[in-house]
Amino acid sequence: MATLDELGAELSSDAERTAGNADEQARACADLLGGAHGFAGDRKDYDLPDNSMLVLYVEVGRRAGVPLAGVGLPGHFVVGHFGTGPPLLLDPFNGGAIVEEAVAETFLRPWRSSEIAMRMLNNLVASYQRRGDLGGAIRAAAMRLALPAQETLRDGLRAELRAMQAQLN
């Protein structure tokens, strides 16, 4: 938490040196986190569990007053600055690079925290399973049950968790 606070203070200072528009604020975040601090995904091991933690852009932005939000795209998670239309999208996996390709409007919305957490946990369950880390998969699967979800989804999540737990016997 202290590191996030420090990064937030650093971004706040950097953002103050911009003209204050959405594009410059978002670029300041990308320059700080992806550039100066080198936060990026591991290309060699794309589904490495640590790659799921790059939502720090949202938390650092929040601390600095830069309104970034998670945006779930098919097969990829990015962050967006929704201070302008259309929002400026940054790709934390690629060091904060601006997403240049066209994105369908149906995907251009800020995700709620619970949606982000569910997607991250789903990715972690799958990643741990592929690595044969049943304990990690069970921990991530159990955390999903603490999130809000429709009952039919919740039933499926419980069943998946029970099936993993049964493998322990």
C-alpha atoms as a PDB file:
ATOM      1  CA  MET A   1       0.000   0.000   0.000  1.00  0.00           C
ATOM      2  CA  ALA A   2       2.849   2.361   0.803  1.00  0.00           C
ATOM      3  CA  THR A   3       4.372   1.728  -2.624  1.00  0.00           C
ATOM      4  CA  LEU A   4       1.046   2.506  -4.306  1.00  0.00           C
ATOM      5  CA  ASP A   5       0.825   5.705  -2.256  1.00  0.00           C
ATOM      6  CA  GLU A   6       4.358   6.683  -3.297  1.00  0.00           C
ATOM      7  CA  LEU A   7       3.630   5.987  -6.963  1.00  0.00           C
ATOM      8  CA  GLY A   8       0.391   7.948  -6.656  1.00  0.00           C
ATOM      9  CA  ALA A   9       2.254  10.945  -5.242  1.00  0.00           C
ATOM     10  CA  GLU A  10       4.807  10.681  -8.040  1.00  0.00           C
ATOM     11  CA  LEU A  11       2.052  10.555 -10.670  1.00  0.00           C
ATOM     12  CA  SER A  12       0.243  13.469  -9.051  1.00  0.00           C
ATOM     13  CA  SER A  13       3.395  15.552  -9.381  1.00  0.00           C
ATOM     14  CA  ASP A  14       3.904  14.447 -12.997  1.00  0.00           C
ATOM     15  CA  ALA A  15       0.243  15.112 -13.887  1.00  0.00           C
ATOM     16  CA  GLU A  16       0.457  18.631 -12.423  1.00  0.00           C
ATOM     17  CA  ARG A  17       3.173  19.424 -14.967  1.00  0.00           C
ATOM     18  CA  THR A  18       0.789  18.652 -17.857  1.00  0.00           C
ATOM     19  CA  ALA A  19      -1.915  20.884 -19.323  1.00  0.00           C
ATOM     20  CA  GLY A  20      -4.378  18.758 -17.355  1.00  0.00           C
ATOM     21  CA  ASN A  21      -6.222  17.218 -20.279  1.00  0.00           C
ATOM     22  CA  ALA A  22      -7.133  13.536 -20.263  1.00  0.00           C
ATOM     23  CA  ASP A  23      -4.628  12.461 -22.910  1.00  0.00           C
ATOM     24  CA  GLU A  24      -1.685  14.107 -21.157  1.00  0.00           C
ATOM     25  CA  GLN A  25      -2.693  12.724 -17.756  1.00  0.00           C
ATOM     26  CA  ALA A  26      -2.995   9.201 -19.173  1.00  0.00           C
ATOM     27  CA  ARG A  27       0.327   9.536 -20.973  1.00  0.00           C
ATOM     28  CA  ALA A  28       1.961  10.762 -17.751  1.00  0.00           C
ATOM     29  CA  CYS A  29       0.746   7.592 -16.054  1.00  0.00           C
ATOM     30  CA  ALA A  30       2.082   5.411 -18.871  1.00  0.00           C
ATOM     31  CA  ASP A  31       5.425   7.245 -18.843  1.00  0.00           C
ATOM     32  CA  LEU A  32       5.755   6.832 -15.083  1.00  0.00           C
ATOM     33  CA  LEU A  33       4.617   3.243 -14.613  1.00  0.00           C
ATOM     34  CA  GLY A  34       5.602   1.679 -17.930  1.00  0.00           C
ATOM     35  CA  GLY A  35       8.574   3.902 -18.692  1.00  0.00           C
ATOM     36  CA  ALA A  36      10.290   5.066 -15.515  1.00  0.00           C
ATOM     37  CA  HIS A  37       9.329   2.076 -13.351  1.00  0.00           C
ATOM     38  CA  GLY A  38       9.253  -0.585 -16.063  1.00  0.00           C
ATOM     39  CA  PHE A  39       5.915  -2.169 -15.199  1.00  0.00           C
ATOM     40  CA  ALA A  40       4.996  -4.489 -18.058  1.00  0.00           C
ATOM     41  CA  GLY A  41       3.857  -8.030 -18.622  1.00  0.00           C
ATOM     42  CA  ASP A  42       6.123 -11.008 -19.061  1.00  0.00           C
ATOM     43  CA  ARG A  43       5.960 -11.830 -22.791  1.00  0.00           C
ATOM     44  CA  LYS A  44       7.822 -15.118 -22.383  1.00  0.00           C
ATOM     45  CA  ASP A  45       5.249 -16.422 -19.881  1.00  0.00           C
ATOM     46  CA  TYR A  46       2.097 -14.565 -20.951  1.00  0.00           C
ATOM     47  CA  ASP A  47      -0.209 -16.288 -18.476  1.00  0.00           C
ATOM     48  CA  LEU A  48       2.193 -15.971 -15.539  1.00  0.00           C
ATOM     49  CA  PRO A  49       0.065 -15.224 -12.449  1.00  0.00           C
ATOM     50  CA  ASP A  50       2.019 -12.023 -11.749  1.00  0.00           C
ATOM     51  CA  ASN A  51       0.795 -10.592 -15.068  1.00  0.00           C
ATOM     52  CA  SER A  52      -2.691 -10.349 -13.568  1.00  0.00           C
ATOM     53  CA  MET A  53      -1.546  -7.706 -11.139  1.00  0.00           C
ATOM     54  CA  LEU A  54      -1.013  -4.883 -13.622  1.00  0.00           C
ATOM     55  CA  VAL A  55      -4.241  -3.156 -12.574  1.00  0.00           C
ATOM     56  CA  LEU A  56      -1.965  -1.032 -10.448  1.00  0.00           C
ATOM     57  CA  TYR A  57      -2.490   1.652 -13.113  1.00  0.00           C
ATOM     58  CA  VAL A  58      -6.025   2.149 -11.810  1.00  0.00           C
ATOM     59  CA  GLU A  59      -4.941   2.330  -8.165  1.00  0.00           C
ATOM     60  CA  VAL A  60      -2.014   4.659  -8.799  1.00  0.00           C
ATOM     61  CA  GLY A  61      -4.254   6.855 -10.947  1.00  0.00           C
ATOM     62  CA  ARG A  62      -6.908   6.976  -8.219  1.00  0.00           C
ATOM     63  CA  ARG A  63      -4.351   8.109  -5.671  1.00  0.00           C
ATOM     64  CA  ALA A  64      -3.172  10.852  -8.048  1.00  0.00           C
ATOM     65  CA  GLY A  65      -6.649  12.027  -9.035  1.00  0.00           C
ATOM     66  CA  VAL A  66      -6.228  10.681 -12.580  1.00  0.00           C
ATOM     67  CA  PRO A  67      -9.497   8.895 -13.423  1.00  0.00           C
ATOM     68  CA  LEU A  68      -8.347   5.617 -14.959  1.00  0.00           C
ATOM     69  CA  ALA A  69     -10.619   2.602 -15.087  1.00  0.00           C
ATOM     70  CA  GLY A  70     -10.178  -1.000 -16.080  1.00  0.00           C
ATOM     71  CA  VAL A  71     -11.599  -1.983 -19.460  1.00  0.00           C
ATOM     72  CA  GLY A  72     -12.151  -5.600 -20.362  1.00  0.00           C
ATOM     73  CA  LEU A  73     -11.472  -6.341 -23.990  1.00  0.00           C
ATOM     74  CA  PRO A  74     -11.797  -9.801 -25.494  1.00  0.00           C
ATOM     75  CA  GLY A  75      -8.643 -11.646 -24.494  1.00  0.00           C
ATOM     76  CA  HIS A  76      -6.948  -8.568 -23.024  1.00  0.00           C
ATOM     77  CA  PHE A  77      -7.369  -6.173 -20.132  1.00  0.00           C
ATOM     78  CA  VAL A  78      -6.469  -2.496 -20.533  1.00  0.00           C
ATOM     79  CA  VAL A  79      -7.088   0.758 -18.694  1.00  0.00           C
ATOM     80  CA  GLY A  80      -8.868   3.801 -20.021  1.00  0.00           C
ATOM     81  CA  HIS A  81      -9.039   7.483 -19.208  1.00  0.00           C
ATOM     82  CA  PHE A  82     -12.691   8.367 -19.569  1.00  0.00           C
ATOM     83  CA  GLY A  83     -12.207  12.133 -19.309  1.00  0.00           C
ATOM     84  CA  THR A  84     -12.721  12.493 -23.059  1.00  0.00           C
ATOM     85  CA  GLY A  85     -14.694  10.745 -25.769  1.00  0.00           C
ATOM     86  CA  PRO A  86     -13.620   8.300 -26.961  1.00  0.00           C
ATOM     87  CA  PRO A  87     -11.536   7.248 -23.962  1.00  0.00           C
ATOM     88  CA  LEU A  88      -7.787   6.945 -24.332  1.00  0.00           C
ATOM     89  CA  LEU A  89      -6.830   3.301 -23.746  1.00  0.00           C
ATOM     90  CA  LEU A  90      -3.479   2.206 -22.319  1.00  0.00           C
ATOM     91  CA  ASP A  91      -2.118  -1.322 -22.317  1.00  0.00           C
ATOM     92  CA  PRO A  92      -0.341  -2.018 -18.989  1.00  0.00           C
ATOM     93  CA  PHE A  93       0.956  -5.358 -20.279  1.00  0.00           C
ATOM     94  CA  ASN A  94       2.840  -3.458 -22.992  1.00  0.00           C
ATOM     95  CA  GLY A  95       4.320  -0.874 -20.657  1.00  0.00           C
ATOM     96  CA  GLY A  96       1.405   1.548 -20.950  1.00  0.00           C
ATOM     97  CA  ALA A  97       1.432   1.738 -24.739  1.00  0.00           C
ATOM     98  CA  ILE A  98      -1.565   3.502 -26.232  1.00  0.00           C
ATOM     99  CA  VAL A  99      -4.035   1.074 -27.764  1.00  0.00           C
ATOM    100  CA  GLU A 100      -4.113   2.126 -31.413  1.00  0.00           C
ATOM    101  CA  GLU A 101      -6.443  -0.491 -32.904  1.00  0.00           C
ATOM    102  CA  ALA A 102     -10.144   0.211 -33.161  1.00  0.00           C
ATOM    103  CA  VAL A 103     -12.217  -1.105 -30.276  1.00  0.00           C
ATOM    104  CA  ALA A 104     -15.930  -1.776 -30.585  1.00  0.00           C
ATOM    105  CA  GLU A 105     -18.000   0.699 -28.571  1.00  0.00           C
ATOM    106  CA  THR A 106     -19.704  -2.114 -26.692  1.00  0.00           C
ATOM    107  CA  PHE A 107     -16.410  -2.728 -24.840  1.00  0.00           C
ATOM    108  CA  LEU A 108     -15.656   0.931 -24.082  1.00  0.00           C
ATOM    109  CA  ARG A 109     -16.950   1.230 -20.565  1.00  0.00           C
ATOM    110  CA  PRO A 110     -15.278   1.395 -17.184  1.00  0.00           C
ATOM    111  CA  TRP A 111     -15.494  -1.903 -15.336  1.00  0.00           C
ATOM    112  CA  ARG A 112     -16.658  -2.124 -11.736  1.00  0.00           C
ATOM    113  CA  SER A 113     -14.133  -3.336  -9.172  1.00  0.00           C
ATOM    114  CA  SER A 114     -15.999  -6.613  -8.746  1.00  0.00           C
ATOM    115  CA  GLU A 115     -15.832  -7.279 -12.511  1.00  0.00           C
ATOM    116  CA  ILE A 116     -12.097  -6.623 -12.532  1.00  0.00           C
ATOM    117  CA  ALA A 117     -11.535  -8.881  -9.531  1.00  0.00           C
ATOM    118  CA  MET A 118     -13.608 -11.682 -11.075  1.00  0.00           C
ATOM    119  CA  ARG A 119     -11.698 -11.519 -14.348  1.00  0.00           C
ATOM    120  CA  MET A 120      -8.344 -11.494 -12.555  1.00  0.00           C
ATOM    121  CA  LEU A 121      -9.351 -14.439 -10.380  1.00  0.00           C
ATOM    122  CA  ASN A 122     -10.677 -16.389 -13.370  1.00  0.00           C
ATOM    123  CA  ASN A 123      -7.337 -15.812 -15.112  1.00  0.00           C
ATOM    124  CA  LEU A 124      -5.453 -16.863 -11.987  1.00  0.00           C
ATOM    125  CA  VAL A 125      -7.467 -20.068 -11.570  1.00  0.00           C
ATOM    126  CA  ALA A 126      -6.699 -21.038 -15.166  1.00  0.00           C
ATOM    127  CA  SER A 127      -3.035 -20.044 -14.898  1.00  0.00           C
ATOM    128  CA  TYR A 128      -2.480 -22.008 -11.687  1.00  0.00           C
ATOM    129  CA  GLN A 129      -4.239 -25.033 -13.147  1.00  0.00           C
ATOM    130  CA  ARG A 130      -2.035 -24.975 -16.267  1.00  0.00           C
ATOM    131  CA  ARG A 131       1.019 -24.882 -14.000  1.00  0.00           C
ATOM    132  CA  GLY A 132      -0.221 -27.774 -11.876  1.00  0.00           C
ATOM    133  CA  ASP A 133      -0.517 -25.532  -8.803  1.00  0.00           C
ATOM    134  CA  LEU A 134      -3.757 -26.910  -7.378  1.00  0.00           C
ATOM    135  CA  GLY A 135      -3.379 -24.988  -4.112  1.00  0.00           C
ATOM    136  CA  GLY A 136      -3.085 -21.660  -5.948  1.00  0.00           C
ATOM    137  CA  ALA A 137      -6.068 -22.528  -8.144  1.00  0.00           C
ATOM    138  CA  ILE A 138      -8.176 -23.417  -5.103  1.00  0.00           C
ATOM    139  CA  ARG A 139      -7.247 -20.189  -3.279  1.00  0.00           C
ATOM    140  CA  ALA A 140      -8.164 -18.059  -6.320  1.00  0.00           C
ATOM    141  CA  ALA A 141     -11.364 -20.053  -6.904  1.00  0.00           C
ATOM    142  CA  ALA A 142     -12.421 -19.611  -3.263  1.00  0.00           C
ATOM    143  CA  MET A 143     -11.863 -15.834  -3.467  1.00  0.00           C
ATOM    144  CA  ARG A 144     -14.287 -15.611  -6.390  1.00  0.00           C
ATOM    145  CA  LEU A 145     -17.106 -16.684  -4.065  1.00  0.00           C
ATOM    146  CA  ALA A 146     -16.662 -13.486  -2.036  1.00  0.00           C
ATOM    147  CA  LEU A 147     -17.560 -11.390  -5.085  1.00  0.00           C
ATOM    148  CA  PRO A 148     -21.072 -10.412  -6.127  1.00  0.00           C
ATOM    149  CA  ALA A 149     -22.421 -12.695  -8.854  1.00  0.00           C
ATOM    150  CA  GLN A 150     -25.702 -13.994 -10.194  1.00  0.00           C
ATOM    151  CA  GLU A 151     -26.807 -17.173  -8.469  1.00  0.00           C
ATOM    152  CA  THR A 152     -26.373 -19.336 -11.564  1.00  0.00           C
ATOM    153  CA  LEU A 153     -22.773 -18.148 -11.928  1.00  0.00           C
ATOM    154  CA  ARG A 154     -22.186 -18.617  -8.214  1.00  0.00           C
ATOM    155  CA  ASP A 155     -23.471 -22.199  -8.447  1.00  0.00           C
ATOM    156  CA  GLY A 156     -20.990 -22.912 -11.251  1.00  0.00           C
ATOM    157  CA  LEU A 157     -18.129 -21.345  -9.286  1.00  0.00           C
ATOM    158  CA  ARG A 158     -18.972 -23.459  -6.217  1.00  0.00           C
ATOM    159  CA  ALA A 159     -19.086 -26.623  -8.320  1.00  0.00           C
ATOM    160  CA  GLU A 160     -15.729 -25.806  -9.906  1.00  0.00           C
ATOM    161  CA  LEU A 161     -14.197 -25.188  -6.470  1.00  0.00           C
ATOM    162  CA  ARG A 162     -15.592 -28.475  -5.105  1.00  0.00           C
ATOM    163  CA  ALA A 163     -14.173 -30.362  -8.098  1.00  0.00           C
ATOM    164  CA  MET A 164     -10.719 -28.882  -7.462  1.00  0.00           C
ATOM    165  CA  GLN A 165     -10.927 -29.633  -3.744  1.00  0.00           C
ATOM    166  CA  ALA A 166     -11.894 -33.234  -4.532  1.00  0.00           C
ATOM    167  CA  GLN A 167      -8.575 -33.616  -6.368  1.00  0.00           C
ATOM    168  CA  LEU A 168      -6.826 -33.201  -3.020  1.00  0.00           C
ATOM    169  CA  ASN A 169      -8.172 -36.542  -1.763  1.00  0.00           C
END
